């Protein structure tokens, strides 16, 4: 705020001003965008991060409901169940890594499993389940064989069960990390 030809800096510490004075243009633009976002939404950045993570988790549960609906069809569309089950797991884990690591730096399908937080419950088991789910999703999406949907029946049932069992674990984990609004 300008007062009498000078800028009122009562709330800006020397540390704050040093940070600004040494920032590159891109960083200053990011600061300005963040300040505008906070002002416009009424939420601070950690709150907005929590909201984004929770929205991604909600999206994962929506995809899981889709997989469940498809699995109940007669006959079931097993390839689609495999794909939707994988994506439910993928988005649930993206919510976790986004919130814990502080950004969406680990969205790449091949990287995500190894970026699960070290303290995630049964981390090694879930890392392997996600890797396996991705391999099966790739088979279901890209391989023309087996031609019959029943060839993916057991895999579809197993991946759907894995995705269903993952959701309460992710919900609890996010809550323990403070991801609540």
N, C-alpha and C. Protein backbone atom coordinates (compact mmCIF):
# COMPACT_ATOMS: atom_id res chain seq x y z
N UNK A 1 0.84 -1.16 0.00
CA UNK A 1 0.00 0.00 0.00
C UNK A 1 0.90 1.24 0.00
N UNK A 2 0.58 2.22 -0.82
CA UNK A 2 1.39 3.43 -0.92
C UNK A 2 0.82 4.48 0.03
N UNK A 3 1.72 5.07 0.86
CA UNK A 3 1.34 6.14 1.78
C UNK A 3 2.33 7.28 1.60
N UNK A 4 1.86 8.42 1.23
CA UNK A 4 2.72 9.59 1.12
C UNK A 4 3.93 9.38 0.23
N UNK A 5 3.77 8.65 -0.87
CA UNK A 5 4.88 8.44 -1.79
C UNK A 5 5.78 7.28 -1.43
N UNK A 6 5.55 6.60 -0.30
CA UNK A 6 6.36 5.43 0.06
C UNK A 6 5.45 4.22 0.20
N UNK A 7 6.04 3.08 0.09
CA UNK A 7 5.27 1.85 0.22
C UNK A 7 5.27 1.42 1.68
N UNK A 8 4.08 1.15 2.22
CA UNK A 8 3.93 0.70 3.60
C UNK A 8 4.35 -0.77 3.69
N UNK A 9 5.45 -1.05 4.36
CA UNK A 9 5.99 -2.41 4.45
C UNK A 9 5.96 -2.94 5.89
N UNK A 10 4.97 -2.52 6.66
CA UNK A 10 4.92 -2.92 8.07
C UNK A 10 4.92 -4.43 8.27
N UNK A 11 4.33 -5.18 7.36
CA UNK A 11 4.24 -6.62 7.54
C UNK A 11 5.32 -7.39 6.79
N UNK A 12 6.13 -6.72 6.03
CA UNK A 12 7.18 -7.38 5.26
C UNK A 12 8.48 -7.37 6.06
N UNK A 13 8.94 -8.54 6.46
CA UNK A 13 10.20 -8.64 7.21
C UNK A 13 11.38 -8.53 6.26
N UNK A 14 12.55 -8.38 6.82
CA UNK A 14 13.77 -8.36 6.00
C UNK A 14 13.91 -9.67 5.25
N UNK A 15 13.54 -10.77 5.89
CA UNK A 15 13.60 -12.09 5.25
C UNK A 15 12.66 -12.12 4.03
N UNK A 16 11.44 -11.59 4.21
CA UNK A 16 10.48 -11.56 3.10
C UNK A 16 11.02 -10.74 1.93
N UNK A 17 11.55 -9.60 2.25
CA UNK A 17 12.06 -8.71 1.20
C UNK A 17 13.29 -9.30 0.51
N UNK A 18 14.13 -9.98 1.27
CA UNK A 18 15.30 -10.63 0.68
C UNK A 18 14.85 -11.73 -0.28
N UNK A 19 13.86 -12.48 0.13
CA UNK A 19 13.32 -13.54 -0.74
C UNK A 19 12.84 -12.94 -2.06
N UNK A 20 12.09 -11.87 -1.99
CA UNK A 20 11.58 -11.21 -3.19
C UNK A 20 12.72 -10.61 -4.01
N UNK A 21 13.67 -9.99 -3.34
CA UNK A 21 14.74 -9.30 -4.07
C UNK A 21 15.65 -10.25 -4.82
N UNK A 22 15.72 -11.51 -4.40
CA UNK A 22 16.60 -12.48 -5.07
C UNK A 22 15.84 -13.44 -5.99
N UNK A 23 14.53 -13.28 -6.07
CA UNK A 23 13.72 -14.19 -6.87
C UNK A 23 13.83 -13.88 -8.36
N UNK A 24 13.90 -14.94 -9.15
CA UNK A 24 13.85 -14.79 -10.60
C UNK A 24 12.43 -14.43 -11.04
N UNK A 25 12.32 -13.92 -12.25
CA UNK A 25 11.03 -13.46 -12.76
C UNK A 25 9.96 -14.55 -12.69
N UNK A 26 10.29 -15.77 -13.10
CA UNK A 26 9.30 -16.86 -13.07
C UNK A 26 8.78 -17.10 -11.66
N UNK A 27 9.68 -17.04 -10.68
CA UNK A 27 9.27 -17.26 -9.31
C UNK A 27 8.39 -16.12 -8.81
N UNK A 28 8.75 -14.88 -9.16
CA UNK A 28 7.92 -13.74 -8.78
C UNK A 28 6.52 -13.85 -9.39
N UNK A 29 6.46 -14.31 -10.65
CA UNK A 29 5.16 -14.49 -11.29
C UNK A 29 4.36 -15.59 -10.60
N UNK A 30 5.04 -16.65 -10.15
CA UNK A 30 4.37 -17.72 -9.42
C UNK A 30 3.86 -17.20 -8.06
N UNK A 31 4.67 -16.41 -7.38
CA UNK A 31 4.23 -15.79 -6.12
C UNK A 31 2.97 -14.96 -6.35
N UNK A 32 3.00 -14.13 -7.38
CA UNK A 32 1.86 -13.26 -7.68
C UNK A 32 0.62 -14.09 -7.99
N UNK A 33 0.78 -15.13 -8.78
CA UNK A 33 -0.36 -16.00 -9.11
C UNK A 33 -0.91 -16.67 -7.86
N UNK A 34 -0.01 -17.13 -7.00
CA UNK A 34 -0.44 -17.75 -5.74
C UNK A 34 -1.18 -16.78 -4.85
N UNK A 35 -0.66 -15.56 -4.73
CA UNK A 35 -1.31 -14.55 -3.91
C UNK A 35 -2.70 -14.22 -4.46
N UNK A 36 -2.80 -14.12 -5.78
CA UNK A 36 -4.10 -13.84 -6.40
C UNK A 36 -5.06 -15.00 -6.16
N UNK A 37 -4.58 -16.23 -6.29
CA UNK A 37 -5.40 -17.41 -6.08
C UNK A 37 -5.94 -17.46 -4.65
N UNK A 38 -5.08 -17.18 -3.69
CA UNK A 38 -5.49 -17.17 -2.28
C UNK A 38 -6.54 -16.08 -2.05
N UNK A 39 -6.29 -14.90 -2.60
CA UNK A 39 -7.23 -13.79 -2.43
C UNK A 39 -8.58 -14.13 -3.07
N UNK A 40 -8.54 -14.69 -4.27
CA UNK A 40 -9.77 -14.97 -5.02
C UNK A 40 -10.59 -16.09 -4.39
N UNK A 41 -9.92 -17.15 -3.89
CA UNK A 41 -10.65 -18.32 -3.38
C UNK A 41 -10.95 -18.23 -1.89
N UNK A 42 -10.15 -17.48 -1.16
CA UNK A 42 -10.32 -17.43 0.29
C UNK A 42 -9.66 -18.59 1.01
N UNK A 43 -8.95 -19.43 0.27
CA UNK A 43 -8.22 -20.56 0.85
C UNK A 43 -6.73 -20.33 0.68
N UNK A 44 -5.94 -20.79 1.65
CA UNK A 44 -4.49 -20.73 1.48
C UNK A 44 -4.03 -21.90 0.61
N UNK A 45 -2.79 -21.88 0.21
CA UNK A 45 -2.28 -22.91 -0.71
C UNK A 45 -2.37 -24.31 -0.10
N UNK A 46 -1.99 -24.53 1.17
CA UNK A 46 -2.16 -25.88 1.73
C UNK A 46 -3.62 -26.36 1.70
N UNK A 47 -4.56 -25.46 1.93
CA UNK A 47 -5.97 -25.84 1.86
C UNK A 47 -6.37 -26.20 0.44
N UNK A 48 -5.89 -25.43 -0.52
CA UNK A 48 -6.18 -25.73 -1.92
C UNK A 48 -5.56 -27.06 -2.34
N UNK A 49 -4.34 -27.34 -1.85
CA UNK A 49 -3.71 -28.63 -2.14
C UNK A 49 -4.54 -29.77 -1.58
N UNK A 50 -5.03 -29.61 -0.36
CA UNK A 50 -5.87 -30.65 0.26
C UNK A 50 -7.13 -30.86 -0.57
N UNK A 51 -7.74 -29.78 -1.00
CA UNK A 51 -8.95 -29.88 -1.82
C UNK A 51 -8.66 -30.61 -3.13
N UNK A 52 -7.56 -30.28 -3.78
CA UNK A 52 -7.20 -30.95 -5.03
C UNK A 52 -6.95 -32.44 -4.80
N UNK A 53 -6.27 -32.78 -3.71
CA UNK A 53 -6.01 -34.20 -3.41
C UNK A 53 -7.30 -34.94 -3.13
N UNK A 54 -8.18 -34.33 -2.35
CA UNK A 54 -9.46 -34.97 -2.04
C UNK A 54 -10.33 -35.11 -3.28
N UNK A 55 -10.28 -34.12 -4.16
CA UNK A 55 -11.03 -34.23 -5.42
C UNK A 55 -10.49 -35.36 -6.29
N UNK A 56 -9.18 -35.54 -6.32
CA UNK A 56 -8.61 -36.64 -7.09
C UNK A 56 -9.04 -37.98 -6.49
N UNK A 57 -9.06 -38.05 -5.15
CA UNK A 57 -9.51 -39.28 -4.49
C UNK A 57 -10.99 -39.54 -4.78
N UNK A 58 -11.80 -38.50 -4.79
CA UNK A 58 -13.22 -38.64 -5.14
C UNK A 58 -13.35 -39.16 -6.58
N UNK A 59 -12.50 -38.65 -7.47
CA UNK A 59 -12.49 -39.12 -8.85
C UNK A 59 -12.12 -40.60 -8.90
N UNK A 60 -11.15 -41.02 -8.10
CA UNK A 60 -10.76 -42.44 -8.05
C UNK A 60 -11.94 -43.31 -7.63
N UNK A 61 -12.69 -42.86 -6.64
CA UNK A 61 -13.85 -43.64 -6.18
C UNK A 61 -14.94 -43.68 -7.25
N UNK A 62 -15.11 -42.59 -8.00
CA UNK A 62 -16.06 -42.59 -9.11
C UNK A 62 -15.66 -43.64 -10.16
N UNK A 63 -14.39 -43.67 -10.51
CA UNK A 63 -13.91 -44.65 -11.49
C UNK A 63 -14.12 -46.07 -10.96
N UNK A 64 -13.90 -46.26 -9.66
CA UNK A 64 -14.12 -47.58 -9.06
C UNK A 64 -15.60 -47.98 -9.16
N UNK A 65 -16.51 -47.04 -8.91
CA UNK A 65 -17.94 -47.35 -9.05
C UNK A 65 -18.27 -47.75 -10.49
N UNK A 66 -17.61 -47.10 -11.45
CA UNK A 66 -17.80 -47.46 -12.86
C UNK A 66 -17.33 -48.89 -13.10
N UNK A 67 -16.17 -49.24 -12.57
CA UNK A 67 -15.65 -50.61 -12.72
C UNK A 67 -16.60 -51.61 -12.10
N UNK A 68 -17.14 -51.28 -10.95
CA UNK A 68 -18.07 -52.17 -10.26
C UNK A 68 -19.35 -52.36 -11.09
N UNK A 69 -19.85 -51.29 -11.67
CA UNK A 69 -21.05 -51.36 -12.51
C UNK A 69 -20.80 -52.23 -13.74
N UNK A 70 -19.66 -52.02 -14.37
CA UNK A 70 -19.33 -52.79 -15.58
C UNK A 70 -19.17 -54.27 -15.24
N UNK A 71 -18.62 -54.56 -14.06
CA UNK A 71 -18.41 -55.96 -13.69
C UNK A 71 -19.73 -56.69 -13.46
N UNK A 72 -20.77 -55.95 -13.14
CA UNK A 72 -22.07 -56.56 -12.88
C UNK A 72 -22.89 -56.79 -14.15
N UNK A 73 -22.38 -56.33 -15.28
CA UNK A 73 -23.09 -56.51 -16.54
C UNK A 73 -23.09 -57.99 -16.93
N UNK A 74 -24.06 -58.35 -17.75
CA UNK A 74 -24.13 -59.72 -18.24
C UNK A 74 -24.06 -59.69 -19.75
N UNK A 75 -23.00 -60.22 -20.33
CA UNK A 75 -21.80 -60.70 -19.66
C UNK A 75 -20.93 -59.51 -19.22
N UNK A 76 -20.07 -59.72 -18.23
CA UNK A 76 -19.21 -58.61 -17.78
C UNK A 76 -18.20 -58.24 -18.87
N UNK A 77 -17.88 -56.98 -18.92
CA UNK A 77 -16.87 -56.49 -19.86
C UNK A 77 -15.54 -56.46 -19.10
N UNK A 78 -14.90 -57.62 -19.05
CA UNK A 78 -13.73 -57.80 -18.19
C UNK A 78 -12.56 -56.89 -18.55
N UNK A 79 -12.34 -56.67 -19.82
CA UNK A 79 -11.24 -55.77 -20.20
C UNK A 79 -11.47 -54.37 -19.62
N UNK A 80 -12.69 -53.90 -19.70
CA UNK A 80 -13.01 -52.58 -19.16
C UNK A 80 -12.91 -52.55 -17.64
N UNK A 81 -13.29 -53.64 -17.00
CA UNK A 81 -13.16 -53.72 -15.54
C UNK A 81 -11.69 -53.63 -15.15
N UNK A 82 -10.83 -54.30 -15.88
CA UNK A 82 -9.39 -54.24 -15.63
C UNK A 82 -8.91 -52.80 -15.76
N UNK A 83 -9.29 -52.15 -16.84
CA UNK A 83 -8.85 -50.77 -17.08
C UNK A 83 -9.35 -49.82 -16.01
N UNK A 84 -10.64 -49.87 -15.72
CA UNK A 84 -11.21 -48.96 -14.73
C UNK A 84 -10.66 -49.24 -13.33
N UNK A 85 -10.41 -50.49 -13.00
CA UNK A 85 -9.85 -50.83 -11.69
C UNK A 85 -8.44 -50.26 -11.57
N UNK A 86 -7.65 -50.39 -12.63
CA UNK A 86 -6.31 -49.81 -12.61
C UNK A 86 -6.39 -48.30 -12.41
N UNK A 87 -7.23 -47.63 -13.19
CA UNK A 87 -7.29 -46.17 -13.08
C UNK A 87 -7.83 -45.71 -11.74
N UNK A 88 -8.69 -46.48 -11.12
CA UNK A 88 -9.14 -46.13 -9.76
C UNK A 88 -7.94 -46.16 -8.81
N UNK A 89 -7.11 -47.18 -8.92
CA UNK A 89 -5.91 -47.28 -8.08
C UNK A 89 -4.93 -46.15 -8.42
N UNK A 90 -4.73 -45.93 -9.69
CA UNK A 90 -3.79 -44.90 -10.15
C UNK A 90 -4.15 -43.53 -9.58
N UNK A 91 -5.41 -43.15 -9.71
CA UNK A 91 -5.82 -41.82 -9.24
C UNK A 91 -5.82 -41.73 -7.72
N UNK A 92 -6.13 -42.81 -7.04
CA UNK A 92 -6.06 -42.80 -5.57
C UNK A 92 -4.61 -42.57 -5.14
N UNK A 93 -3.67 -43.25 -5.79
CA UNK A 93 -2.26 -43.05 -5.44
C UNK A 93 -1.74 -41.69 -5.90
N UNK A 94 -2.26 -41.16 -6.97
CA UNK A 94 -1.87 -39.80 -7.36
C UNK A 94 -2.33 -38.80 -6.30
N UNK A 95 -3.48 -39.02 -5.72
CA UNK A 95 -3.95 -38.14 -4.63
C UNK A 95 -2.96 -38.19 -3.47
N UNK A 96 -2.50 -39.38 -3.14
CA UNK A 96 -1.55 -39.55 -2.03
C UNK A 96 -0.22 -38.88 -2.35
N UNK A 97 0.36 -39.19 -3.50
CA UNK A 97 1.68 -38.63 -3.80
C UNK A 97 1.61 -37.12 -3.98
N UNK A 98 0.53 -36.62 -4.57
CA UNK A 98 0.37 -35.18 -4.73
C UNK A 98 0.37 -34.49 -3.37
N UNK A 99 -0.42 -35.02 -2.45
CA UNK A 99 -0.53 -34.37 -1.15
C UNK A 99 0.76 -34.49 -0.34
N UNK A 100 1.32 -35.68 -0.29
CA UNK A 100 2.51 -35.90 0.55
C UNK A 100 3.75 -35.23 -0.03
N UNK A 101 3.93 -35.30 -1.34
CA UNK A 101 5.14 -34.72 -1.95
C UNK A 101 4.97 -33.24 -2.28
N UNK A 102 3.75 -32.72 -2.18
CA UNK A 102 3.55 -31.30 -2.36
C UNK A 102 3.40 -30.84 -3.79
N UNK A 103 3.04 -31.73 -4.69
CA UNK A 103 2.83 -31.35 -6.09
C UNK A 103 2.59 -32.57 -6.95
N UNK A 104 2.18 -32.34 -8.18
CA UNK A 104 1.84 -33.43 -9.09
C UNK A 104 3.06 -33.83 -9.92
N UNK A 105 4.16 -34.10 -9.22
CA UNK A 105 5.43 -34.41 -9.87
C UNK A 105 5.55 -35.88 -10.28
N UNK A 106 4.60 -36.70 -9.86
CA UNK A 106 4.76 -38.14 -10.06
C UNK A 106 3.55 -38.75 -10.78
N UNK A 107 3.04 -38.06 -11.79
CA UNK A 107 1.87 -38.57 -12.50
C UNK A 107 2.20 -39.65 -13.53
N UNK A 108 3.46 -39.74 -13.92
CA UNK A 108 3.86 -40.72 -14.94
C UNK A 108 3.57 -42.14 -14.43
N UNK A 109 2.87 -42.90 -15.25
CA UNK A 109 2.42 -44.23 -14.84
C UNK A 109 3.58 -45.13 -14.39
N UNK A 110 4.69 -45.06 -15.08
CA UNK A 110 5.81 -45.93 -14.72
C UNK A 110 6.53 -45.45 -13.46
N UNK A 111 6.42 -44.17 -13.12
CA UNK A 111 7.09 -43.63 -11.94
C UNK A 111 6.26 -43.71 -10.66
N UNK A 112 4.96 -43.60 -10.80
CA UNK A 112 4.09 -43.49 -9.63
C UNK A 112 4.31 -44.58 -8.58
N UNK A 113 4.40 -45.85 -8.95
CA UNK A 113 4.55 -46.86 -7.90
C UNK A 113 5.76 -46.64 -6.99
N UNK A 114 6.87 -46.23 -7.55
CA UNK A 114 8.08 -46.05 -6.73
C UNK A 114 8.04 -44.75 -5.93
N UNK A 115 7.05 -43.90 -6.16
CA UNK A 115 6.95 -42.62 -5.45
C UNK A 115 5.96 -42.66 -4.29
N UNK A 116 5.40 -43.84 -4.03
CA UNK A 116 4.51 -43.93 -2.87
C UNK A 116 5.30 -43.58 -1.62
N UNK A 117 4.69 -42.85 -0.70
CA UNK A 117 5.43 -42.47 0.51
C UNK A 117 5.93 -43.69 1.29
N UNK A 118 7.07 -43.55 1.87
CA UNK A 118 7.70 -44.65 2.62
C UNK A 118 6.83 -45.16 3.76
N UNK A 119 6.00 -44.27 4.32
CA UNK A 119 5.17 -44.67 5.45
C UNK A 119 3.75 -45.11 5.05
N UNK A 120 3.52 -45.26 3.74
CA UNK A 120 2.20 -45.74 3.32
C UNK A 120 2.03 -47.18 3.78
N UNK A 121 0.88 -47.52 4.35
CA UNK A 121 0.68 -48.88 4.87
C UNK A 121 0.91 -49.96 3.80
N UNK A 122 1.70 -50.95 4.13
CA UNK A 122 2.01 -52.05 3.20
C UNK A 122 2.49 -51.53 1.85
N UNK A 123 3.36 -50.56 1.91
CA UNK A 123 3.84 -49.87 0.72
C UNK A 123 4.33 -50.82 -0.36
N UNK A 124 5.19 -51.77 -0.01
CA UNK A 124 5.76 -52.68 -1.01
C UNK A 124 4.66 -53.51 -1.69
N UNK A 125 3.70 -53.94 -0.92
CA UNK A 125 2.60 -54.73 -1.48
C UNK A 125 1.80 -53.88 -2.47
N UNK A 126 1.46 -52.64 -2.07
CA UNK A 126 0.67 -51.78 -2.95
C UNK A 126 1.47 -51.34 -4.17
N UNK A 127 2.76 -51.14 -4.00
CA UNK A 127 3.61 -50.79 -5.14
C UNK A 127 3.54 -51.91 -6.19
N UNK A 128 3.65 -53.15 -5.74
CA UNK A 128 3.58 -54.28 -6.67
C UNK A 128 2.19 -54.44 -7.27
N UNK A 129 1.16 -54.22 -6.47
CA UNK A 129 -0.20 -54.33 -7.00
C UNK A 129 -0.45 -53.28 -8.08
N UNK A 130 0.05 -52.07 -7.86
CA UNK A 130 -0.14 -51.02 -8.87
C UNK A 130 0.64 -51.34 -10.14
N UNK A 131 1.86 -51.83 -9.99
CA UNK A 131 2.65 -52.21 -11.17
C UNK A 131 1.94 -53.32 -11.95
N UNK A 132 1.45 -54.33 -11.24
CA UNK A 132 0.75 -55.43 -11.89
C UNK A 132 -0.53 -54.94 -12.56
N UNK A 133 -1.26 -54.08 -11.87
CA UNK A 133 -2.50 -53.55 -12.44
C UNK A 133 -2.22 -52.80 -13.74
N UNK A 134 -1.13 -52.06 -13.77
CA UNK A 134 -0.78 -51.32 -14.98
C UNK A 134 -0.45 -52.30 -16.12
N UNK A 135 0.31 -53.33 -15.83
CA UNK A 135 0.64 -54.32 -16.86
C UNK A 135 -0.63 -54.98 -17.41
N UNK A 136 -1.54 -55.31 -16.52
CA UNK A 136 -2.79 -55.95 -16.96
C UNK A 136 -3.66 -54.96 -17.74
N UNK A 137 -3.66 -53.71 -17.32
CA UNK A 137 -4.41 -52.69 -18.06
C UNK A 137 -3.83 -52.53 -19.46
N UNK A 138 -2.52 -52.54 -19.57
CA UNK A 138 -1.90 -52.45 -20.90
C UNK A 138 -2.29 -53.65 -21.76
N UNK A 139 -2.28 -54.84 -21.17
CA UNK A 139 -2.70 -56.04 -21.93
C UNK A 139 -4.15 -55.89 -22.39
N UNK A 140 -5.01 -55.46 -21.48
CA UNK A 140 -6.44 -55.33 -21.79
C UNK A 140 -6.67 -54.27 -22.86
N UNK A 141 -5.89 -53.21 -22.84
CA UNK A 141 -6.06 -52.12 -23.81
C UNK A 141 -5.43 -52.40 -25.17
N UNK A 142 -4.30 -53.10 -25.18
CA UNK A 142 -3.50 -53.18 -26.40
C UNK A 142 -3.37 -54.56 -27.05
N UNK A 143 -3.56 -55.60 -26.27
CA UNK A 143 -3.37 -56.94 -26.83
C UNK A 143 -4.70 -57.50 -27.37
N UNK A 144 -4.72 -57.99 -28.61
CA UNK A 144 -5.97 -58.53 -29.14
C UNK A 144 -6.31 -59.92 -28.60
N UNK A 145 -5.38 -60.52 -27.87
CA UNK A 145 -5.60 -61.87 -27.34
C UNK A 145 -5.49 -61.84 -25.83
N UNK A 146 -6.26 -62.62 -25.15
CA UNK A 146 -7.31 -63.50 -25.66
C UNK A 146 -8.49 -62.68 -26.21
N UNK A 147 -9.12 -63.25 -27.23
CA UNK A 147 -10.22 -62.56 -27.90
C UNK A 147 -11.47 -62.52 -27.03
N UNK A 148 -11.65 -63.54 -26.27
CA UNK A 148 -12.85 -63.68 -25.44
C UNK A 148 -12.68 -62.90 -24.13
N UNK A 149 -13.69 -62.17 -23.74
CA UNK A 149 -13.67 -61.39 -22.49
C UNK A 149 -13.39 -62.28 -21.27
N UNK A 150 -13.81 -63.52 -21.36
CA UNK A 150 -13.62 -64.41 -20.21
C UNK A 150 -12.14 -64.65 -19.91
N UNK A 151 -11.29 -64.42 -20.90
CA UNK A 151 -9.85 -64.58 -20.69
C UNK A 151 -9.30 -63.57 -19.68
N UNK A 152 -10.04 -62.51 -19.41
CA UNK A 152 -9.65 -61.51 -18.41
C UNK A 152 -10.50 -61.60 -17.15
N UNK A 153 -11.31 -62.65 -17.05
CA UNK A 153 -12.25 -62.76 -15.93
C UNK A 153 -11.61 -62.75 -14.56
N UNK A 154 -10.64 -63.62 -14.33
CA UNK A 154 -9.99 -63.71 -13.03
C UNK A 154 -9.23 -62.43 -12.71
N UNK A 155 -8.55 -61.90 -13.71
CA UNK A 155 -7.79 -60.67 -13.52
C UNK A 155 -8.73 -59.53 -13.16
N UNK A 156 -9.86 -59.44 -13.84
CA UNK A 156 -10.83 -58.38 -13.57
C UNK A 156 -11.34 -58.47 -12.13
N UNK A 157 -11.68 -59.66 -11.70
CA UNK A 157 -12.18 -59.87 -10.33
C UNK A 157 -11.11 -59.47 -9.31
N UNK A 158 -9.87 -59.91 -9.55
CA UNK A 158 -8.78 -59.62 -8.61
C UNK A 158 -8.46 -58.12 -8.55
N UNK A 159 -8.37 -57.47 -9.70
CA UNK A 159 -8.04 -56.04 -9.71
C UNK A 159 -9.16 -55.20 -9.11
N UNK A 160 -10.39 -55.58 -9.36
CA UNK A 160 -11.51 -54.86 -8.76
C UNK A 160 -11.47 -55.00 -7.24
N UNK A 161 -11.17 -56.18 -6.76
CA UNK A 161 -11.05 -56.40 -5.31
C UNK A 161 -9.90 -55.58 -4.73
N UNK A 162 -8.78 -55.53 -5.44
CA UNK A 162 -7.64 -54.71 -4.98
C UNK A 162 -8.03 -53.24 -4.90
N UNK A 163 -8.68 -52.75 -5.95
CA UNK A 163 -9.06 -51.33 -5.98
C UNK A 163 -10.05 -51.02 -4.84
N UNK A 164 -10.98 -51.92 -4.61
CA UNK A 164 -11.95 -51.71 -3.53
C UNK A 164 -11.25 -51.70 -2.16
N UNK A 165 -10.30 -52.58 -1.97
CA UNK A 165 -9.62 -52.63 -0.67
C UNK A 165 -8.65 -51.46 -0.48
N UNK A 166 -8.21 -50.85 -1.58
CA UNK A 166 -7.30 -49.72 -1.49
C UNK A 166 -7.99 -48.45 -0.99
N UNK A 167 -9.21 -48.22 -1.38
CA UNK A 167 -9.87 -46.94 -1.10
C UNK A 167 -9.91 -46.59 0.39
N UNK A 168 -10.32 -47.49 1.29
CA UNK A 168 -10.31 -47.10 2.71
C UNK A 168 -8.91 -46.86 3.25
N UNK A 169 -7.92 -47.55 2.70
CA UNK A 169 -6.53 -47.34 3.13
C UNK A 169 -6.07 -45.94 2.75
N UNK A 170 -6.35 -45.54 1.52
CA UNK A 170 -5.98 -44.20 1.05
C UNK A 170 -6.72 -43.14 1.86
N UNK A 171 -8.00 -43.34 2.07
CA UNK A 171 -8.79 -42.36 2.84
C UNK A 171 -8.19 -42.16 4.23
N UNK A 172 -7.92 -43.25 4.91
CA UNK A 172 -7.34 -43.17 6.25
C UNK A 172 -5.96 -42.52 6.22
N UNK A 173 -5.15 -42.88 5.26
CA UNK A 173 -3.80 -42.32 5.15
C UNK A 173 -3.85 -40.82 4.93
N UNK A 174 -4.69 -40.38 4.00
CA UNK A 174 -4.80 -38.94 3.73
C UNK A 174 -5.28 -38.19 4.99
N UNK A 175 -6.21 -38.77 5.70
CA UNK A 175 -6.69 -38.13 6.92
C UNK A 175 -5.59 -38.02 7.97
N UNK A 176 -4.78 -39.08 8.12
CA UNK A 176 -3.71 -39.03 9.12
C UNK A 176 -2.64 -38.01 8.73
N UNK A 177 -2.54 -37.70 7.44
CA UNK A 177 -1.57 -36.71 6.96
C UNK A 177 -2.14 -35.29 7.01
N UNK A 178 -3.38 -35.16 7.46
CA UNK A 178 -3.97 -33.84 7.58
C UNK A 178 -4.69 -33.36 6.34
N UNK A 179 -4.99 -34.27 5.44
CA UNK A 179 -5.67 -33.90 4.20
C UNK A 179 -7.17 -33.91 4.45
N UNK A 180 -7.65 -32.84 5.06
CA UNK A 180 -9.07 -32.68 5.32
C UNK A 180 -9.43 -31.22 5.10
N UNK A 181 -10.67 -30.98 4.75
CA UNK A 181 -11.17 -29.60 4.61
C UNK A 181 -12.29 -29.38 5.59
